[in-house]
Amino acid sequence: MLTYGDKMKAETKEFLLAEYSHLRSEIQDAVRQVPANEKWALTISGVFWAWLGSDLSRAEHLQIVVWIPTVIVLVLFCDGVR
């Protein structure tokens, strides 16, 4: 026969197992999302470079803009390597 203390321990164990399962599924979802984020970052970077390459006269006035896609890609991939 379970006493009140034993019942609480069983309930706590069930709660902790359910919480672990939920947190594990959240982490797995986040890990699955990483390749999609990288794909979109590279796509947007490519579109930006294509736009910039098509109008080089404007790029001369905004030289810092040329480095934005490079910095974004480096930050995203260096963060993913760790």
PDB file of N, CA and C in Angstrom:
ATOM      1  N   MET A   1       0.841  -1.183   0.000  1.00  0.00           N
ATOM      2  CA  MET A   1       0.000   0.000   0.000  1.00  0.00           C
ATOM      3  C   MET A   1       0.887   1.247   0.000  1.00  0.00           C
ATOM      4  N   LEU A   2       0.525   2.222  -0.842  1.00  0.00           N
ATOM      5  CA  LEU A   2       1.296   3.454  -0.943  1.00  0.00           C
ATOM      6  C   LEU A   2       0.879   4.425   0.150  1.00  0.00           C
ATOM      7  N   THR A   3       1.870   5.016   0.781  1.00  0.00           N
ATOM      8  CA  THR A   3       1.573   6.068   1.747  1.00  0.00           C
ATOM      9  C   THR A   3       1.554   7.397   0.989  1.00  0.00           C
ATOM     10  N   TYR A   4       1.213   8.472   1.696  1.00  0.00           N
ATOM     11  CA  TYR A   4       1.146   9.792   1.068  1.00  0.00           C
ATOM     12  C   TYR A   4       2.509  10.192   0.508  1.00  0.00           C
ATOM     13  N   GLY A   5       3.582   9.944   1.241  1.00  0.00           N
ATOM     14  CA  GLY A   5       4.925  10.285   0.783  1.00  0.00           C
ATOM     15  C   GLY A   5       5.322   9.496  -0.457  1.00  0.00           C
ATOM     16  N   ASP A   6       5.012   8.214  -0.495  1.00  0.00           N
ATOM     17  CA  ASP A   6       5.326   7.392  -1.660  1.00  0.00           C
ATOM     18  C   ASP A   6       4.524   7.838  -2.872  1.00  0.00           C
ATOM     19  N   LYS A   7       3.271   8.217  -2.663  1.00  0.00           N
ATOM     20  CA  LYS A   7       2.428   8.683  -3.757  1.00  0.00           C
ATOM     21  C   LYS A   7       2.983   9.978  -4.345  1.00  0.00           C
ATOM     22  N   MET A   8       3.445  10.874  -3.496  1.00  0.00           N
ATOM     23  CA  MET A   8       4.035  12.120  -3.980  1.00  0.00           C
ATOM     24  C   MET A   8       5.303  11.846  -4.781  1.00  0.00           C
ATOM     25  N   LYS A   9       6.083  10.919  -4.343  1.00  0.00           N
ATOM     26  CA  LYS A   9       7.292  10.592  -5.070  1.00  0.00           C
ATOM     27  C   LYS A   9       6.959  10.028  -6.443  1.00  0.00           C
ATOM     28  N   ALA A  10       5.930   9.200  -6.517  1.00  0.00           N
ATOM     29  CA  ALA A  10       5.519   8.638  -7.803  1.00  0.00           C
ATOM     30  C   ALA A  10       4.977   9.737  -8.712  1.00  0.00           C
ATOM     31  N   GLU A  11       4.200  10.641  -8.148  1.00  0.00           N
ATOM     32  CA  GLU A  11       3.661  11.751  -8.935  1.00  0.00           C
ATOM     33  C   GLU A  11       4.785  12.669  -9.413  1.00  0.00           C
ATOM     34  N   THR A  12       5.738  12.909  -8.541  1.00  0.00           N
ATOM     35  CA  THR A  12       6.871  13.753  -8.922  1.00  0.00           C
ATOM     36  C   THR A  12       7.668  13.096 -10.037  1.00  0.00           C
ATOM     37  N   LYS A  13       7.890  11.805  -9.911  1.00  0.00           N
ATOM     38  CA  LYS A  13       8.629  11.079 -10.950  1.00  0.00           C
ATOM     39  C   LYS A  13       7.894  11.147 -12.283  1.00  0.00           C
ATOM     40  N   GLU A  14       6.582  10.953 -12.261  1.00  0.00           N
ATOM     41  CA  GLU A  14       5.794  11.043 -13.493  1.00  0.00           C
ATOM     42  C   GLU A  14       5.875  12.439 -14.096  1.00  0.00           C
ATOM     43  N   PHE A  15       5.787  13.460 -13.248  1.00  0.00           N
ATOM     44  CA  PHE A  15       5.880  14.838 -13.726  1.00  0.00           C
ATOM     45  C   PHE A  15       7.242  15.105 -14.361  1.00  0.00           C
ATOM     46  N   LEU A  16       8.303  14.687 -13.685  1.00  0.00           N
ATOM     47  CA  LEU A  16       9.638  14.922 -14.205  1.00  0.00           C
ATOM     48  C   LEU A  16       9.868  14.184 -15.518  1.00  0.00           C
ATOM     49  N   LEU A  17       9.350  12.982 -15.649  1.00  0.00           N
ATOM     50  CA  LEU A  17       9.478  12.244 -16.909  1.00  0.00           C
ATOM     51  C   LEU A  17       8.710  12.943 -18.030  1.00  0.00           C
ATOM     52  N   ALA A  18       7.531  13.452 -17.726  1.00  0.00           N
ATOM     53  CA  ALA A  18       6.751  14.170 -18.732  1.00  0.00           C
ATOM     54  C   ALA A  18       7.451  15.474 -19.123  1.00  0.00           C
ATOM     55  N   GLU A  19       8.009  16.171 -18.140  1.00  0.00           N
ATOM     56  CA  GLU A  19       8.728  17.409 -18.420  1.00  0.00           C
ATOM     57  C   GLU A  19       9.964  17.139 -19.274  1.00  0.00           C
ATOM     58  N   TYR A  20      10.700  16.084 -18.950  1.00  0.00           N
ATOM     59  CA  TYR A  20      11.878  15.703 -19.728  1.00  0.00           C
ATOM     60  C   TYR A  20      11.495  15.401 -21.169  1.00  0.00           C
ATOM     61  N   SER A  21      10.422  14.667 -21.350  1.00  0.00           N
ATOM     62  CA  SER A  21       9.968  14.314 -22.695  1.00  0.00           C
ATOM     63  C   SER A  21       9.597  15.570 -23.489  1.00  0.00           C
ATOM     64  N   HIS A  22       8.913  16.487 -22.847  1.00  0.00           N
ATOM     65  CA  HIS A  22       8.513  17.728 -23.514  1.00  0.00           C
ATOM     66  C   HIS A  22       9.736  18.576 -23.884  1.00  0.00           C
ATOM     67  N   LEU A  23      10.663  18.732 -22.947  1.00  0.00           N
ATOM     68  CA  LEU A  23      11.862  19.528 -23.219  1.00  0.00           C
ATOM     69  C   LEU A  23      12.709  18.891 -24.314  1.00  0.00           C
ATOM     70  N   ARG A  24      12.792  17.572 -24.325  1.00  0.00           N
ATOM     71  CA  ARG A  24      13.549  16.878 -25.366  1.00  0.00           C
ATOM     72  C   ARG A  24      12.932  17.122 -26.740  1.00  0.00           C
ATOM     73  N   SER A  25      11.614  17.104 -26.820  1.00  0.00           N
ATOM     74  CA  SER A  25      10.957  17.354 -28.111  1.00  0.00           C
ATOM     75  C   SER A  25      11.171  18.801 -28.561  1.00  0.00           C
ATOM     76  N   GLU A  26      11.182  19.754 -27.626  1.00  0.00           N
ATOM     77  CA  GLU A  26      11.455  21.147 -27.988  1.00  0.00           C
ATOM     78  C   GLU A  26      12.869  21.305 -28.537  1.00  0.00           C
ATOM     79  N   ILE A  27      13.831  20.658 -27.905  1.00  0.00           N
ATOM     80  CA  ILE A  27      15.222  20.740 -28.368  1.00  0.00           C
ATOM     81  C   ILE A  27      15.370  20.090 -29.737  1.00  0.00           C
ATOM     82  N   GLN A  28      14.726  18.957 -29.950  1.00  0.00           N
ATOM     83  CA  GLN A  28      14.790  18.291 -31.253  1.00  0.00           C
ATOM     84  C   GLN A  28      14.183  19.168 -32.341  1.00  0.00           C
ATOM     85  N   ASP A  29      13.101  19.855 -32.044  1.00  0.00           N
ATOM     86  CA  ASP A  29      12.496  20.768 -33.018  1.00  0.00           C
ATOM     87  C   ASP A  29      13.446  21.914 -33.364  1.00  0.00           C
ATOM     88  N   ALA A  30      14.116  22.445 -32.350  1.00  0.00           N
ATOM     89  CA  ALA A  30      15.063  23.533 -32.590  1.00  0.00           C
ATOM     90  C   ALA A  30      16.239  23.061 -33.441  1.00  0.00           C
ATOM     91  N   VAL A  31      16.727  21.862 -33.182  1.00  0.00           N
ATOM     92  CA  VAL A  31      17.851  21.321 -33.947  1.00  0.00           C
ATOM     93  C   VAL A  31      17.428  21.063 -35.392  1.00  0.00           C
ATOM     94  N   ARG A  32      16.207  20.608 -35.598  1.00  0.00           N
ATOM     95  CA  ARG A  32      15.710  20.381 -36.965  1.00  0.00           C
ATOM     96  C   ARG A  32      15.568  21.694 -37.737  1.00  0.00           C
ATOM     97  N   GLN A  33      15.356  22.790 -37.046  1.00  0.00           N
ATOM     98  CA  GLN A  33      15.140  24.079 -37.683  1.00  0.00           C
ATOM     99  C   GLN A  33      16.440  24.720 -38.173  1.00  0.00           C
ATOM    100  N   VAL A  34      17.581  24.333 -37.624  1.00  0.00           N
ATOM    101  CA  VAL A  34      18.865  24.955 -37.962  1.00  0.00           C
ATOM    102  C   VAL A  34      19.187  24.883 -39.456  1.00  0.00           C
ATOM    103  N   PRO A  35      19.102  23.715 -40.118  1.00  0.00           N
ATOM    104  CA  PRO A  35      19.422  23.693 -41.557  1.00  0.00           C
ATOM    105  C   PRO A  35      18.516  24.603 -42.389  1.00  0.00           C
ATOM    106  N   ALA A  36      17.259  24.702 -42.013  1.00  0.00           N
ATOM    107  CA  ALA A  36      16.347  25.585 -42.751  1.00  0.00           C
ATOM    108  C   ALA A  36      16.769  27.040 -42.578  1.00  0.00           C
ATOM    109  N   ASN A  37      17.168  27.416 -41.369  1.00  0.00           N
ATOM    110  CA  ASN A  37      17.635  28.790 -41.143  1.00  0.00           C
ATOM    111  C   ASN A  37      18.896  29.086 -41.930  1.00  0.00           C
ATOM    112  N   GLU A  38      19.809  28.127 -41.977  1.00  0.00           N
ATOM    113  CA  GLU A  38      21.032  28.320 -42.756  1.00  0.00           C
ATOM    114  C   GLU A  38      20.721  28.450 -44.242  1.00  0.00           C
ATOM    115  N   LYS A  39      19.792  27.630 -44.715  1.00  0.00           N
ATOM    116  CA  LYS A  39      19.412  27.691 -46.128  1.00  0.00           C
ATOM    117  C   LYS A  39      18.854  29.064 -46.477  1.00  0.00           C
ATOM    118  N   TRP A  40      17.971  29.584 -45.638  1.00  0.00           N
ATOM    119  CA  TRP A  40      17.385  30.886 -45.906  1.00  0.00           C
ATOM    120  C   TRP A  40      18.409  32.010 -45.788  1.00  0.00           C
ATOM    121  N   ALA A  41      19.336  31.886 -44.858  1.00  0.00           N
ATOM    122  CA  ALA A  41      20.376  32.913 -44.725  1.00  0.00           C
ATOM    123  C   ALA A  41      21.241  32.952 -45.981  1.00  0.00           C
ATOM    124  N   LEU A  42      21.605  31.795 -46.500  1.00  0.00           N
ATOM    125  CA  LEU A  42      22.407  31.755 -47.721  1.00  0.00           C
ATOM    126  C   LEU A  42      21.613  32.249 -48.926  1.00  0.00           C
ATOM    127  N   THR A  43      20.333  31.909 -48.979  1.00  0.00           N
ATOM    128  CA  THR A  43      19.493  32.357 -50.091  1.00  0.00           C
ATOM    129  C   THR A  43      19.362  33.878 -50.094  1.00  0.00           C
ATOM    130  N   ILE A  44      19.072  34.435 -48.937  1.00  0.00           N
ATOM    131  CA  ILE A  44      18.924  35.885 -48.843  1.00  0.00           C
ATOM    132  C   ILE A  44      20.257  36.571 -49.135  1.00  0.00           C
ATOM    133  N   SER A  45      21.335  35.975 -48.651  1.00  0.00           N
ATOM    134  CA  SER A  45      22.654  36.536 -48.939  1.00  0.00           C
ATOM    135  C   SER A  45      22.935  36.511 -50.439  1.00  0.00           C
ATOM    136  N   GLY A  46      22.591  35.411 -51.098  1.00  0.00           N
ATOM    137  CA  GLY A  46      22.787  35.312 -52.544  1.00  0.00           C
ATOM    138  C   GLY A  46      21.961  36.325 -53.309  1.00  0.00           C
ATOM    139  N   VAL A  47      20.722  36.517 -52.897  1.00  0.00           N
ATOM    140  CA  VAL A  47      19.863  37.515 -53.544  1.00  0.00           C
ATOM    141  C   VAL A  47      20.458  38.909 -53.351  1.00  0.00           C
ATOM    142  N   PHE A  48      20.932  39.179 -52.165  1.00  0.00           N
ATOM    143  CA  PHE A  48      21.530  40.478 -51.893  1.00  0.00           C
ATOM    144  C   PHE A  48      22.761  40.709 -52.760  1.00  0.00           C
ATOM    145  N   TRP A  49      23.642  39.695 -52.851  1.00  0.00           N
ATOM    146  CA  TRP A  49      24.838  39.825 -53.691  1.00  0.00           C
ATOM    147  C   TRP A  49      24.466  39.990 -55.157  1.00  0.00           C
ATOM    148  N   ALA A  50      23.434  39.285 -55.609  1.00  0.00           N
ATOM    149  CA  ALA A  50      23.000  39.424 -57.002  1.00  0.00           C
ATOM    150  C   ALA A  50      22.488  40.839 -57.258  1.00  0.00           C
ATOM    151  N   TRP A  51      21.715  41.360 -56.327  1.00  0.00           N
ATOM    152  CA  TRP A  51      21.214  42.730 -56.484  1.00  0.00           C
ATOM    153  C   TRP A  51      22.373  43.724 -56.486  1.00  0.00           C
ATOM    154  N   LEU A  52      23.306  43.529 -55.570  1.00  0.00           N
ATOM    155  CA  LEU A  52      24.444  44.431 -55.469  1.00  0.00           C
ATOM    156  C   LEU A  52      25.324  44.343 -56.708  1.00  0.00           C
ATOM    157  N   GLY A  53      25.509  43.153 -57.238  1.00  0.00           N
ATOM    158  CA  GLY A  53      26.311  42.965 -58.437  1.00  0.00           C
ATOM    159  C   GLY A  53      25.669  43.550 -59.678  1.00  0.00           C
ATOM    160  N   SER A  54      24.360  43.641 -59.673  1.00  0.00           N
ATOM    161  CA  SER A  54      23.673  44.178 -60.847  1.00  0.00           C
ATOM    162  C   SER A  54      23.738  45.700 -60.918  1.00  0.00           C
ATOM    163  N   ASP A  55      24.055  46.339 -59.803  1.00  0.00           N
ATOM    164  CA  ASP A  55      24.106  47.800 -59.778  1.00  0.00           C
ATOM    165  C   ASP A  55      25.335  48.250 -58.996  1.00  0.00           C
ATOM    166  N   LEU A  56      26.508  48.047 -59.582  1.00  0.00           N
ATOM    167  CA  LEU A  56      27.760  48.356 -58.892  1.00  0.00           C
ATOM    168  C   LEU A  56      27.963  49.845 -58.663  1.00  0.00           C
ATOM    169  N   SER A  57      27.310  50.698 -59.456  1.00  0.00           N
ATOM    170  CA  SER A  57      27.489  52.138 -59.259  1.00  0.00           C
ATOM    171  C   SER A  57      26.968  52.573 -57.890  1.00  0.00           C
ATOM    172  N   ARG A  58      25.933  51.940 -57.395  1.00  0.00           N
ATOM    173  CA  ARG A  58      25.401  52.277 -56.076  1.00  0.00           C
ATOM    174  C   ARG A  58      26.273  51.702 -54.971  1.00  0.00           C
ATOM    175  N   ALA A  59      26.937  50.595 -55.248  1.00  0.00           N
ATOM    176  CA  ALA A  59      27.775  49.952 -54.229  1.00  0.00           C
ATOM    177  C   ALA A  59      28.985  50.802 -53.868  1.00  0.00           C
ATOM    178  N   GLU A  60      29.447  51.631 -54.787  1.00  0.00           N
ATOM    179  CA  GLU A  60      30.603  52.467 -54.505  1.00  0.00           C
ATOM    180  C   GLU A  60      30.303  53.476 -53.399  1.00  0.00           C
ATOM    181  N   HIS A  61      29.067  53.906 -53.322  1.00  0.00           N
ATOM    182  CA  HIS A  61      28.686  54.885 -52.303  1.00  0.00           C
ATOM    183  C   HIS A  61      28.402  54.223 -50.960  1.00  0.00           C
ATOM    184  N   LEU A  62      28.085  52.966 -50.967  1.00  0.00           N
ATOM    185  CA  LEU A  62      27.732  52.246 -49.740  1.00  0.00           C
ATOM    186  C   LEU A  62      28.684  51.059 -49.531  1.00  0.00           C
ATOM    187  N   GLN A  63      29.951  51.347 -49.331  1.00  0.00           N
ATOM    188  CA  GLN A  63      30.936  50.280 -49.251  1.00  0.00           C
ATOM    189  C   GLN A  63      30.720  49.364 -48.045  1.00  0.00           C
ATOM    190  N   ILE A  64      30.142  49.845 -46.988  1.00  0.00           N
ATOM    191  CA  ILE A  64      29.874  49.006 -45.816  1.00  0.00           C
ATOM    192  C   ILE A  64      28.803  47.964 -46.134  1.00  0.00           C
ATOM    193  N   VAL A  65      27.883  48.312 -47.026  1.00  0.00           N
ATOM    194  CA  VAL A  65      26.795  47.404 -47.388  1.00  0.00           C
ATOM    195  C   VAL A  65      27.330  46.131 -48.035  1.00  0.00           C
ATOM    196  N   VAL A  66      28.442  46.242 -48.725  1.00  0.00           N
ATOM    197  CA  VAL A  66      29.027  45.087 -49.405  1.00  0.00           C
ATOM    198  C   VAL A  66      29.399  43.995 -48.397  1.00  0.00           C
ATOM    199  N   TRP A  67      29.745  44.366 -47.197  1.00  0.00           N
ATOM    200  CA  TRP A  67      30.208  43.394 -46.209  1.00  0.00           C
ATOM    201  C   TRP A  67      29.092  42.783 -45.372  1.00  0.00           C
ATOM    202  N   ILE A  68      27.892  43.313 -45.443  1.00  0.00           N
ATOM    203  CA  ILE A  68      26.790  42.811 -44.620  1.00  0.00           C
ATOM    204  C   ILE A  68      26.517  41.320 -44.855  1.00  0.00           C
ATOM    205  N   PRO A  69      26.337  40.848 -46.094  1.00  0.00           N
ATOM    206  CA  PRO A  69      26.073  39.426 -46.276  1.00  0.00           C
ATOM    207  C   PRO A  69      27.223  38.540 -45.789  1.00  0.00           C
ATOM    208  N   THR A  70      28.440  38.994 -46.003  1.00  0.00           N
ATOM    209  CA  THR A  70      29.596  38.214 -45.560  1.00  0.00           C
ATOM    210  C   THR A  70      29.604  38.072 -44.042  1.00  0.00           C
ATOM    211  N   VAL A  71      29.349  39.146 -43.358  1.00  0.00           N
ATOM    212  CA  VAL A  71      29.329  39.110 -41.894  1.00  0.00           C
ATOM    213  C   VAL A  71      28.200  38.218 -41.393  1.00  0.00           C
ATOM    214  N   ILE A  72      27.025  38.319 -41.999  1.00  0.00           N
ATOM    215  CA  ILE A  72      25.890  37.499 -41.576  1.00  0.00           C
ATOM    216  C   ILE A  72      26.198  36.018 -41.746  1.00  0.00           C
ATOM    217  N   VAL A  73      26.724  35.656 -42.901  1.00  0.00           N
ATOM    218  CA  VAL A  73      27.033  34.244 -43.152  1.00  0.00           C
ATOM    219  C   VAL A  73      28.121  33.755 -42.204  1.00  0.00           C
ATOM    220  N   LEU A  74      29.157  34.547 -41.985  1.00  0.00           N
ATOM    221  CA  LEU A  74      30.222  34.135 -41.071  1.00  0.00           C
ATOM    222  C   LEU A  74      29.708  33.953 -39.644  1.00  0.00           C
ATOM    223  N   VAL A  75      28.871  34.861 -39.205  1.00  0.00           N
ATOM    224  CA  VAL A  75      28.317  34.745 -37.850  1.00  0.00           C
ATOM    225  C   VAL A  75      27.449  33.507 -37.730  1.00  0.00           C
ATOM    226  N   LEU A  76      26.602  33.263 -38.707  1.00  0.00           N
ATOM    227  CA  LEU A  76      25.714  32.101 -38.637  1.00  0.00           C
ATOM    228  C   LEU A  76      26.491  30.790 -38.689  1.00  0.00           C
ATOM    229  N   PHE A  77      27.475  30.705 -39.558  1.00  0.00           N
ATOM    230  CA  PHE A  77      28.209  29.448 -39.687  1.00  0.00           C
ATOM    231  C   PHE A  77      29.212  29.254 -38.559  1.00  0.00           C
ATOM    232  N   CYS A  78      29.818  30.322 -38.062  1.00  0.00           N
ATOM    233  CA  CYS A  78      30.728  30.161 -36.925  1.00  0.00           C
ATOM    234  C   CYS A  78      29.937  29.762 -35.688  1.00  0.00           C
ATOM    235  N   ASP A  79      28.726  30.264 -35.554  1.00  0.00           N
ATOM    236  CA  ASP A  79      27.877  29.879 -34.435  1.00  0.00           C
ATOM    237  C   ASP A  79      27.460  28.421 -34.551  1.00  0.00           C
ATOM    238  N   GLY A  80      27.230  27.954 -35.775  1.00  0.00           N
ATOM    239  CA  GLY A  80      26.828  26.571 -35.987  1.00  0.00           C
ATOM    240  C   GLY A  80      27.958  25.575 -35.804  1.00  0.00           C
ATOM    241  N   VAL A  81      29.207  26.026 -35.959  1.00  0.00           N
ATOM    242  CA  VAL A  81      30.352  25.132 -35.838  1.00  0.00           C
ATOM    243  C   VAL A  81      30.628  24.778 -34.387  1.00  0.00           C
ATOM    244  N   ARG A  82      30.371  25.711 -33.492  1.00  0.00           N
ATOM    245  CA  ARG A  82      30.655  25.453 -32.066  1.00  0.00           C
ATOM    246  C   ARG A  82      29.880  24.355 -31.523  1.00  0.00           C
TER     247      ARG A  82
END
